[in-house]
PDB file of all heavy atoms in Angstrom:
ATOM      1  N   ALA A   1     107.080 110.191 101.366  1.00  0.00           N
ATOM      2  CA  ALA A   1     107.043 109.629 100.018  1.00  0.00           C
ATOM      3  C   ALA A   1     107.686 108.247  99.973  1.00  0.00           C
ATOM      4  O   ALA A   1     107.158 107.320  99.336  1.00  0.00           O
ATOM      5  CB  ALA A   1     107.741 110.567  99.034  1.00  0.00           C
ATOM      6  N   LEU A   2     108.803 108.068 100.665  1.00  0.00           N
ATOM      7  CA  LEU A   2     109.491 106.774 100.661  1.00  0.00           C
ATOM      8  C   LEU A   2     108.652 105.702 101.337  1.00  0.00           C
ATOM      9  O   LEU A   2     108.450 104.609 100.786  1.00  0.00           O
ATOM     10  CB  LEU A   2     110.851 106.901 101.355  1.00  0.00           C
ATOM     11  CG  LEU A   2     111.622 105.579 101.552  1.00  0.00           C
ATOM     12  CD1 LEU A   2     111.890 104.910 100.221  1.00  0.00           C
ATOM     13  CD2 LEU A   2     112.926 105.839 102.314  1.00  0.00           C
ATOM     14  N   LEU A   3     108.144 106.001 102.536  1.00  0.00           N
ATOM     15  CA  LEU A   3     107.349 105.012 103.247  1.00  0.00           C
ATOM     16  C   LEU A   3     106.059 104.690 102.480  1.00  0.00           C
ATOM     17  O   LEU A   3     105.632 103.540 102.396  1.00  0.00           O
ATOM     18  CB  LEU A   3     107.014 105.526 104.648  1.00  0.00           C
ATOM     19  CG  LEU A   3     108.224 105.713 105.584  1.00  0.00           C
ATOM     20  CD1 LEU A   3     107.778 106.329 106.901  1.00  0.00           C
ATOM     21  CD2 LEU A   3     108.933 104.393 105.827  1.00  0.00           C
ATOM     22  N   GLY A   4     105.445 105.724 101.905  1.00  0.00           N
ATOM     23  CA  GLY A   4     104.250 105.491 101.104  1.00  0.00           C
ATOM     24  C   GLY A   4     104.550 104.644  99.885  1.00  0.00           C
ATOM     25  O   GLY A   4     103.751 103.778  99.502  1.00  0.00           O
ATOM     26  N   SER A   5     105.706 104.868  99.258  1.00  0.00           N
ATOM     27  CA  SER A   5     106.079 104.083  98.068  1.00  0.00           C
ATOM     28  C   SER A   5     106.275 102.611  98.416  1.00  0.00           C
ATOM     29  O   SER A   5     105.990 101.729  97.593  1.00  0.00           O
ATOM     30  CB  SER A   5     107.351 104.645  97.431  1.00  0.00           C
ATOM     31  OG  SER A   5     108.511 104.290  98.188  1.00  0.00           O
ATOM     32  N   ILE A   6     106.731 102.339  99.648  1.00  0.00           N
ATOM     33  CA  ILE A   6     106.910 100.938 100.056  1.00  0.00           C
ATOM     34  C   ILE A   6     105.548 100.254 100.229  1.00  0.00           C
ATOM     35  O   ILE A   6     105.354  99.107  99.819  1.00  0.00           O
ATOM     36  CB  ILE A   6     107.730 100.852 101.354  1.00  0.00           C
ATOM     37  CG1 ILE A   6     109.146 101.374 101.108  1.00  0.00           C
ATOM     38  CG2 ILE A   6     107.790  99.426 101.871  1.00  0.00           C
ATOM     39  CD1 ILE A   6     110.001 101.454 102.355  1.00  0.00           C
ATOM     40  N   VAL A   7     104.601 100.978 100.825  1.00  0.00           N
ATOM     41  CA  VAL A   7     103.241 100.424 100.931  1.00  0.00           C
ATOM     42  C   VAL A   7     102.689 100.138  99.534  1.00  0.00           C
ATOM     43  O   VAL A   7     102.114  99.074  99.272  1.00  0.00           O
ATOM     44  CB  VAL A   7     102.302 101.392 101.684  1.00  0.00           C
ATOM     45  CG1 VAL A   7     100.885 100.846 101.709  1.00  0.00           C
ATOM     46  CG2 VAL A   7     102.802 101.611 103.104  1.00  0.00           C
ATOM     47  N   VAL A   8     102.856 101.101  98.619  1.00  0.00           N
ATOM     48  CA  VAL A   8     102.373 100.918  97.241  1.00  0.00           C
ATOM     49  C   VAL A   8     103.034  99.711  96.595  1.00  0.00           C
ATOM     50  O   VAL A   8     102.356  98.874  95.976  1.00  0.00           O
ATOM     51  CB  VAL A   8     102.636 102.189  96.408  1.00  0.00           C
ATOM     52  CG1 VAL A   8     102.382 101.924  94.925  1.00  0.00           C
ATOM     53  CG2 VAL A   8     101.747 103.332  96.884  1.00  0.00           C
ATOM     54  N   SER A   9     104.348  99.572  96.734  1.00  0.00           N
ATOM     55  CA  SER A   9     105.039  98.451  96.095  1.00  0.00           C
ATOM     56  C   SER A   9     104.665  97.110  96.728  1.00  0.00           C
ATOM     57  O   SER A   9     104.548  96.099  96.024  1.00  0.00           O
ATOM     58  CB  SER A   9     106.564  98.651  96.154  1.00  0.00           C
ATOM     59  OG  SER A   9     107.033  98.639  97.490  1.00  0.00           O
ATOM     60  N   PHE A  10     104.456  97.092  98.051  1.00  0.00           N
ATOM     61  CA  PHE A  10     104.034  95.855  98.711  1.00  0.00           C
ATOM     62  C   PHE A  10     102.671  95.398  98.187  1.00  0.00           C
ATOM     63  O   PHE A  10     102.464  94.228  97.880  1.00  0.00           O
ATOM     64  CB  PHE A  10     103.953  96.057 100.227  1.00  0.00           C
ATOM     65  CG  PHE A  10     105.259  95.858 100.944  1.00  0.00           C
ATOM     66  CD1 PHE A  10     106.471  96.009 100.280  1.00  0.00           C
ATOM     67  CD2 PHE A  10     105.307  95.529 102.290  1.00  0.00           C
ATOM     68  CE1 PHE A  10     107.677  95.836 100.935  1.00  0.00           C
ATOM     69  CE2 PHE A  10     106.506  95.348 102.960  1.00  0.00           C
ATOM     70  CZ  PHE A  10     107.695  95.512 102.275  1.00  0.00           C
ATOM     71  N   LEU A  11     101.730  96.340  98.096  1.00  0.00           N
ATOM     72  CA  LEU A  11     100.398  95.979  97.622  1.00  0.00           C
ATOM     73  C   LEU A  11     100.400  95.713  96.128  1.00  0.00           C
ATOM     74  O   LEU A  11      99.630  94.881  95.632  1.00  0.00           O
ATOM     75  CB  LEU A  11      99.397  97.068  97.981  1.00  0.00           C
ATOM     76  CG  LEU A  11      98.745  96.986  99.368  1.00  0.00           C
ATOM     77  CD1 LEU A  11      97.898  95.730  99.501  1.00  0.00           C
ATOM     78  CD2 LEU A  11      99.770  97.065 100.493  1.00  0.00           C
ATOM     79  N   ALA A  12     101.276  96.398  95.379  1.00  0.00           N
ATOM     80  CA  ALA A  12     101.418  96.104  93.960  1.00  0.00           C
ATOM     81  C   ALA A  12     101.932  94.689  93.755  1.00  0.00           C
ATOM     82  O   ALA A  12     101.462  93.948  92.875  1.00  0.00           O
ATOM     83  CB  ALA A  12     102.368  97.113  93.309  1.00  0.00           C
ATOM     84  N   ALA A  13     102.883  94.280  94.584  1.00  0.00           N
ATOM     85  CA  ALA A  13     103.409  92.922  94.493  1.00  0.00           C
ATOM     86  C   ALA A  13     102.349  91.886  94.818  1.00  0.00           C
ATOM     87  O   ALA A  13     102.308  90.802  94.229  1.00  0.00           O
ATOM     88  CB  ALA A  13     104.608  92.766  95.439  1.00  0.00           C
ATOM     89  N   SER A  14     101.462  92.225  95.753  1.00  0.00           N
ATOM     90  CA  SER A  14     100.391  91.280  96.110  1.00  0.00           C
ATOM     91  C   SER A  14      99.422  91.083  94.950  1.00  0.00           C
ATOM     92  O   SER A  14      98.818  90.014  94.807  1.00  0.00           O
ATOM     93  CB  SER A  14      99.635  91.781  97.349  1.00  0.00           C
ATOM     94  OG  SER A  14      98.777  92.854  97.023  1.00  0.00           O
ATOM     95  N   ALA A  15      99.244  92.119  94.115  1.00  0.00           N
ATOM     96  CA  ALA A  15      98.315  92.034  92.986  1.00  0.00           C
ATOM     97  C   ALA A  15      98.994  91.575  91.705  1.00  0.00           C
ATOM     98  O   ALA A  15      98.300  91.254  90.729  1.00  0.00           O
ATOM     99  CB  ALA A  15      97.660  93.394  92.753  1.00  0.00           C
ATOM    100  N   ALA A  16     100.315  91.541  91.676  1.00  0.00           N
ATOM    101  CA  ALA A  16     101.034  91.210  90.448  1.00  0.00           C
ATOM    102  C   ALA A  16     100.666  89.852  89.848  1.00  0.00           C
ATOM    103  O   ALA A  16     100.578  89.712  88.627  1.00  0.00           O
ATOM    104  CB  ALA A  16     102.544  91.292  90.702  1.00  0.00           C
ATOM    105  N   PRO A  17     100.451  88.799  90.655  1.00  0.00           N
ATOM    106  CA  PRO A  17     100.109  87.506  90.047  1.00  0.00           C
ATOM    107  C   PRO A  17      98.705  87.438  89.459  1.00  0.00           C
ATOM    108  O   PRO A  17      98.390  86.481  88.733  1.00  0.00           O
ATOM    109  CB  PRO A  17     100.242  86.512  91.222  1.00  0.00           C
ATOM    110  CG  PRO A  17     100.995  87.223  92.277  1.00  0.00           C
ATOM    111  CD  PRO A  17     100.664  88.663  92.119  1.00  0.00           C
ATOM    112  N   THR A  18      97.839  88.420  89.764  1.00  0.00           N
ATOM    113  CA  THR A  18      96.422  88.345  89.377  1.00  0.00           C
ATOM    114  C   THR A  18      96.206  88.040  87.895  1.00  0.00           C
ATOM    115  O   THR A  18      95.455  87.128  87.554  1.00  0.00           O
ATOM    116  CB  THR A  18      95.685  89.633  89.779  1.00  0.00           C
ATOM    117  OG1 THR A  18      95.700  89.753  91.203  1.00  0.00           O
ATOM    118  CG2 THR A  18      94.250  89.622  89.296  1.00  0.00           C
ATOM    119  N   PRO A  19      96.859  88.774  86.956  1.00  0.00           N
ATOM    120  CA  PRO A  19      96.611  88.485  85.544  1.00  0.00           C
ATOM    121  C   PRO A  19      97.173  87.138  85.084  1.00  0.00           C
ATOM    122  O   PRO A  19      96.837  86.682  83.983  1.00  0.00           O
ATOM    123  CB  PRO A  19      97.314  89.637  84.815  1.00  0.00           C
ATOM    124  CG  PRO A  19      97.540  90.687  85.840  1.00  0.00           C
ATOM    125  CD  PRO A  19      97.726  89.945  87.122  1.00  0.00           C
ATOM    126  N   LEU A  20      98.031  86.513  85.892  1.00  0.00           N
ATOM    127  CA  LEU A  20      98.692  85.270  85.484  1.00  0.00           C
ATOM    128  C   LEU A  20      98.014  84.024  86.025  1.00  0.00           C
ATOM    129  O   LEU A  20      98.399  82.910  85.653  1.00  0.00           O
ATOM    130  CB  LEU A  20     100.161  85.298  85.956  1.00  0.00           C
ATOM    131  CG  LEU A  20     101.092  86.220  85.165  1.00  0.00           C
ATOM    132  CD1 LEU A  20     102.405  86.401  85.915  1.00  0.00           C
ATOM    133  CD2 LEU A  20     101.360  85.640  83.779  1.00  0.00           C
ATOM    134  N   TYR A  21      97.031  84.168  86.896  1.00  0.00           N
ATOM    135  CA  TYR A  21      96.438  83.001  87.527  1.00  0.00           C
ATOM    136  C   TYR A  21      95.849  82.028  86.499  1.00  0.00           C
ATOM    137  O   TYR A  21      95.998  80.808  86.627  1.00  0.00           O
ATOM    138  CB  TYR A  21      95.350  83.423  88.519  1.00  0.00           C
ATOM    139  CG  TYR A  21      95.892  83.907  89.850  1.00  0.00           C
ATOM    140  CD1 TYR A  21      95.300  84.981  90.517  1.00  0.00           C
ATOM    141  CD2 TYR A  21      96.986  83.293  90.444  1.00  0.00           C
ATOM    142  CE1 TYR A  21      95.797  85.427  91.740  1.00  0.00           C
ATOM    143  CE2 TYR A  21      97.486  83.738  91.656  1.00  0.00           C
ATOM    144  CZ  TYR A  21      96.883  84.810  92.304  1.00  0.00           C
ATOM    145  OH  TYR A  21      97.377  85.253  93.503  1.00  0.00           O
ATOM    146  N   GLU A  22      95.175  82.555  85.495  1.00  0.00           N
ATOM    147  CA  GLU A  22      94.584  81.658  84.492  1.00  0.00           C
ATOM    148  C   GLU A  22      95.677  80.907  83.734  1.00  0.00           C
ATOM    149  O   GLU A  22      95.533  79.718  83.424  1.00  0.00           O
ATOM    150  CB  GLU A  22      93.710  82.443  83.521  1.00  0.00           C
ATOM    151  CG  GLU A  22      92.908  81.541  82.592  1.00  0.00           C
ATOM    152  CD  GLU A  22      91.970  82.304  81.682  1.00  0.00           C
ATOM    153  OE1 GLU A  22      91.977  83.555  81.723  1.00  0.00           O
ATOM    154  OE2 GLU A  22      91.234  81.651  80.923  1.00  0.00           O
ATOM    155  N   HIS A  23      96.788  81.601  83.428  1.00  0.00           N
ATOM    156  CA  HIS A  23      97.925  80.940  82.772  1.00  0.00           C
ATOM    157  C   HIS A  23      98.474  79.822  83.663  1.00  0.00           C
ATOM    158  O   HIS A  23      98.737  78.709  83.174  1.00  0.00           O
ATOM    159  CB  HIS A  23      99.011  81.961  82.479  1.00  0.00           C
ATOM    160  CG  HIS A  23     100.323  81.361  82.064  1.00  0.00           C
ATOM    161  ND1 HIS A  23     100.557  80.893  80.780  1.00  0.00           N
ATOM    162  CD2 HIS A  23     101.467  81.123  82.767  1.00  0.00           C
ATOM    163  CE1 HIS A  23     101.789  80.406  80.717  1.00  0.00           C
ATOM    164  NE2 HIS A  23     102.361  80.538  81.896  1.00  0.00           N
ATOM    165  N   TYR A  24      98.639  80.114  84.933  1.00  0.00           N
ATOM    166  CA  TYR A  24      99.131  79.084  85.858  1.00  0.00           C
ATOM    167  C   TYR A  24      98.182  77.889  85.901  1.00  0.00           C
ATOM    168  O   TYR A  24      98.620  76.730  85.944  1.00  0.00           O
ATOM    169  CB  TYR A  24      99.276  79.672  87.270  1.00  0.00           C
ATOM    170  CG  TYR A  24     100.348  80.732  87.414  1.00  0.00           C
ATOM    171  CD1 TYR A  24     100.174  81.800  88.297  1.00  0.00           C
ATOM    172  CD2 TYR A  24     101.532  80.674  86.689  1.00  0.00           C
ATOM    173  CE1 TYR A  24     101.153  82.773  88.450  1.00  0.00           C
ATOM    174  CE2 TYR A  24     102.505  81.642  86.824  1.00  0.00           C
ATOM    175  CZ  TYR A  24     102.322  82.693  87.719  1.00  0.00           C
ATOM    176  OH  TYR A  24     103.297  83.653  87.856  1.00  0.00           O
ATOM    177  N   ASP A  25      96.882  78.152  85.910  1.00  0.00           N
ATOM    178  CA  ASP A  25      95.905  77.065  85.950  1.00  0.00           C
ATOM    179  C   ASP A  25      96.043  76.151  84.735  1.00  0.00           C
ATOM    180  O   ASP A  25      95.969  74.924  84.850  1.00  0.00           O
ATOM    181  CB  ASP A  25      94.475  77.626  86.020  1.00  0.00           C
ATOM    182  CG  ASP A  25      94.141  78.225  87.371  1.00  0.00           C
ATOM    183  OD1 ASP A  25      94.849  77.893  88.344  1.00  0.00           O
ATOM    184  OD2 ASP A  25      93.195  79.025  87.458  1.00  0.00           O
ATOM    185  N   VAL A  26      96.250  76.767  83.566  1.00  0.00           N
ATOM    186  CA  VAL A  26      96.368  75.979  82.334  1.00  0.00           C
ATOM    187  C   VAL A  26      97.664  75.177  82.322  1.00  0.00           C
ATOM    188  O   VAL A  26      97.675  73.981  82.033  1.00  0.00           O
ATOM    189  CB  VAL A  26      96.297  76.910  81.097  1.00  0.00           C
ATOM    190  CG1 VAL A  26      96.625  76.133  79.819  1.00  0.00           C
ATOM    191  CG2 VAL A  26      94.919  77.543  80.991  1.00  0.00           C
ATOM    192  N   VAL A  27      98.764  75.831  82.650  1.00  0.00           N
ATOM    193  CA  VAL A  27     100.085  75.195  82.563  1.00  0.00           C
ATOM    194  C   VAL A  27     100.285  74.165  83.667  1.00  0.00           C
ATOM    195  O   VAL A  27     100.839  73.080  83.438  1.00  0.00           O
ATOM    196  CB  VAL A  27     101.196  76.253  82.618  1.00  0.00           C
ATOM    197  CG1 VAL A  27     102.573  75.600  82.667  1.00  0.00           C
ATOM    198  CG2 VAL A  27     101.105  77.174  81.413  1.00  0.00           C
ATOM    199  N   TRP A  28      99.808  74.472  84.876  1.00  0.00           N
ATOM    200  CA  TRP A  28     100.062  73.592  86.023  1.00  0.00           C
ATOM    201  C   TRP A  28      98.858  72.741  86.407  1.00  0.00           C
ATOM    202  O   TRP A  28      98.891  72.045  87.422  1.00  0.00           O
ATOM    203  CB  TRP A  28     100.496  74.421  87.235  1.00  0.00           C
ATOM    204  CG  TRP A  28     101.757  75.193  87.015  1.00  0.00           C
ATOM    205  CD1 TRP A  28     102.761  74.911  86.122  1.00  0.00           C
ATOM    206  CD2 TRP A  28     102.177  76.388  87.696  1.00  0.00           C
ATOM    207  NE1 TRP A  28     103.758  75.842  86.198  1.00  0.00           N
ATOM    208  CE2 TRP A  28     103.440  76.761  87.162  1.00  0.00           C
ATOM    209  CE3 TRP A  28     101.610  77.162  88.695  1.00  0.00           C
ATOM    210  CZ2 TRP A  28     104.134  77.884  87.604  1.00  0.00           C
ATOM    211  CZ3 TRP A  28     102.298  78.281  89.149  1.00  0.00           C
ATOM    212  CH2 TRP A  28     103.562  78.635  88.596  1.00  0.00           C
ATOM    213  N   GLY A  29      97.793  72.806  85.627  1.00  0.00           N
ATOM    214  CA  GLY A  29      96.624  71.979  85.910  1.00  0.00           C
ATOM    215  C   GLY A  29      95.834  72.420  87.115  1.00  0.00           C
ATOM    216  O   GLY A  29      95.343  71.591  87.885  1.00  0.00           O
ATOM    217  N   GLY A  30      95.677  73.718  87.282  1.00  0.00           N
ATOM    218  CA  GLY A  30      94.917  74.240  88.404  1.00  0.00           C
ATOM    219  C   GLY A  30      93.455  74.456  88.058  1.00  0.00           C
ATOM    220  O   GLY A  30      92.974  74.031  86.999  1.00  0.00           O
ATOM    221  N   SER A  31      92.752  75.150  88.948  1.00  0.00           N
ATOM    222  CA  SER A  31      91.326  75.403  88.759  1.00  0.00           C
ATOM    223  C   SER A  31      90.976  76.723  89.437  1.00  0.00           C
ATOM    224  O   SER A  31      91.830  77.388  90.031  1.00  0.00           O
ATOM    225  CB  SER A  31      90.495  74.277  89.364  1.00  0.00           C
ATOM    226  OG  SER A  31      90.689  74.229  90.777  1.00  0.00           O
TER     227      SER A  31
END
């Protein structure tokens, strides 16, 4: 359970910025 939870949290962290990318593009002038 512990090792599996670390895999889950690592991949969750990799997906965490996904909903914010459009905000970053607007604020920082991205595309």
